[in-house]
Amino acid sequence: MSSSSAADKVRASHILIKHTGSRRKFSWKDPEGQVISKATRDAAVSQLKSLREDIVSGKAKFGEVASRYSDCSSAKRGGDLGSFGRGQMQKPFEDATYSLKVGEISDIVDTDSGVHIIKRTG
């Protein structure tokens, strides 16, 4: 069966940082890709680790950080991707999201889009 039932779905928010290895080297905050095309994966990971630390320590709220720093258009919704089922996201992203408990934040997750941290919200 190709469609997921509601029980099989998860809801998540994320923060995406793109880099030179990202499949699309532009974003809402860098429409020409000038910054992304020069950003190494290591620099993206370093930035994301720092942002994650601020969130986990309580210095910052996930949604506010996503709105300001995420390269995904979901930034305007605080990183909220809504609900999704298996097979709808890139496999590493999907696997990481399904392995989290509601409220947990992932470590760094690599996909073809860039590097992410994911917060499972439902």
Protein backbone atom coordinates (compact mmCIF):
# COMPACT_ATOMS: atom_id res chain seq x y z
CA MET A 1 0.00 0.00 0.00
CA SER A 2 1.51 3.33 -1.03
CA SER A 3 -0.34 5.67 1.32
CA SER A 4 0.46 5.81 5.02
CA SER A 5 -2.31 5.73 7.56
CA ALA A 6 -2.46 8.56 10.09
CA ALA A 7 -1.05 6.21 12.75
CA ASP A 8 2.11 5.69 10.69
CA LYS A 9 2.80 9.41 10.29
CA VAL A 10 5.14 11.61 12.25
CA ARG A 11 5.36 15.38 12.54
CA ALA A 12 8.65 17.21 12.68
CA SER A 13 10.41 20.53 12.44
CA HIS A 14 13.96 20.95 11.23
CA ILE A 15 16.80 23.34 10.66
CA LEU A 16 18.65 22.87 7.36
CA ILE A 17 22.06 24.33 6.64
CA LYS A 18 23.12 23.97 3.02
CA HIS A 19 26.71 23.68 1.79
CA THR A 20 28.75 23.09 -1.37
CA GLY A 21 27.61 19.45 -1.47
CA SER A 22 23.90 20.31 -1.33
CA ARG A 23 21.86 19.38 -4.39
CA ARG A 24 20.36 22.89 -4.63
CA LYS A 25 22.90 25.57 -3.80
CA PHE A 26 20.42 28.38 -3.11
CA SER A 27 17.73 29.13 -0.56
CA TRP A 28 15.21 31.77 0.49
CA LYS A 29 17.97 33.59 2.38
CA ASP A 30 20.63 33.08 -0.28
CA PRO A 31 18.71 33.20 -3.61
CA GLU A 32 21.87 33.52 -5.70
CA GLY A 33 23.71 30.82 -3.73
CA GLN A 34 26.67 33.10 -3.05
CA VAL A 35 27.10 31.97 0.56
CA ILE A 36 26.03 28.34 0.11
CA SER A 37 28.36 27.78 -2.86
CA LYS A 38 31.32 28.68 -0.62
CA ALA A 39 30.20 26.92 2.59
CA THR A 40 31.94 23.64 3.35
CA ARG A 41 30.08 20.75 4.93
CA ASP A 42 32.33 21.10 8.00
CA ALA A 43 31.37 24.77 8.38
CA ALA A 44 27.68 23.87 8.04
CA VAL A 45 28.00 21.11 10.66
CA SER A 46 29.87 23.45 13.00
CA GLN A 47 27.16 26.11 12.70
CA LEU A 48 24.41 23.54 13.23
CA LYS A 49 26.13 22.04 16.29
CA SER A 50 26.37 25.50 17.82
CA LEU A 51 22.70 26.21 17.10
CA ARG A 52 21.70 22.81 18.56
CA GLU A 53 23.71 23.54 21.70
CA ASP A 54 21.88 26.86 22.16
CA ILE A 55 18.51 25.11 21.77
CA VAL A 56 19.28 22.16 24.07
CA SER A 57 20.75 24.45 26.75
CA GLY A 58 17.62 26.61 26.69
CA LYS A 59 19.36 29.74 25.36
CA ALA A 60 17.20 29.65 22.23
CA LYS A 61 13.90 28.18 21.04
CA PHE A 62 13.92 25.71 18.14
CA GLY A 63 11.30 27.57 16.09
CA GLU A 64 13.02 30.93 16.46
CA VAL A 65 16.39 29.48 15.44
CA ALA A 66 14.79 27.72 12.46
CA SER A 67 13.09 30.95 11.35
CA ARG A 68 16.37 32.82 11.39
CA TYR A 69 18.96 30.28 10.22
CA SER A 70 17.33 27.42 8.29
CA ASP A 71 17.89 27.33 4.54
CA CYS A 72 14.57 25.51 4.08
CA SER A 73 11.44 27.47 3.13
CA SER A 74 9.84 25.86 6.22
CA ALA A 75 11.79 28.52 8.16
CA LYS A 76 8.77 30.80 7.82
CA ARG A 77 6.83 28.22 9.88
CA GLY A 78 9.56 27.82 12.49
CA GLY A 79 10.90 24.80 10.62
CA ASP A 80 7.58 22.92 10.77
CA LEU A 81 7.30 20.33 7.99
CA GLY A 82 3.88 19.12 9.07
CA SER A 83 3.02 15.41 9.14
CA PHE A 84 4.57 12.87 6.81
CA GLY A 85 4.76 9.14 6.37
CA ARG A 86 7.41 6.69 5.30
CA GLY A 87 8.75 7.24 1.80
CA GLN A 88 7.94 10.96 1.71
CA MET A 89 11.32 12.30 2.88
CA GLN A 90 14.90 11.44 2.06
CA LYS A 91 15.75 8.15 3.80
CA PRO A 92 18.31 9.47 6.35
CA PHE A 93 15.86 12.21 7.36
CA GLU A 94 12.98 9.77 7.63
CA ASP A 95 14.99 7.25 9.65
CA ALA A 96 16.22 9.92 12.06
CA THR A 97 12.72 11.35 12.57
CA TYR A 98 11.10 7.97 13.21
CA SER A 99 13.85 7.07 15.72
CA LEU A 100 13.16 10.17 17.84
CA LYS A 101 10.62 10.40 20.63
CA VAL A 102 8.22 13.36 20.52
CA GLY A 103 10.10 16.42 21.79
CA GLU A 104 13.57 14.99 21.11
CA ILE A 105 16.10 16.74 18.88
CA SER A 106 18.39 14.72 16.62
CA ASP A 107 22.11 14.94 16.21
CA ILE A 108 23.36 16.07 12.79
CA VAL A 109 21.59 14.32 9.91
CA ASP A 110 23.14 14.37 6.41
CA THR A 111 20.95 14.34 3.29
CA ASP A 112 21.36 15.44 -0.32
CA SER A 113 19.82 18.77 0.76
CA GLY A 114 22.47 19.55 3.38
CA VAL A 115 22.81 19.00 7.11
CA HIS A 116 19.86 19.10 9.49
CA ILE A 117 18.81 18.88 13.07
CA ILE A 118 15.30 17.54 13.49
CA LYS A 119 12.81 17.93 16.30
CA ARG A 120 10.01 15.39 16.35
CA THR A 121 6.83 17.20 17.29
CA GLY A 122 4.21 14.50 16.81
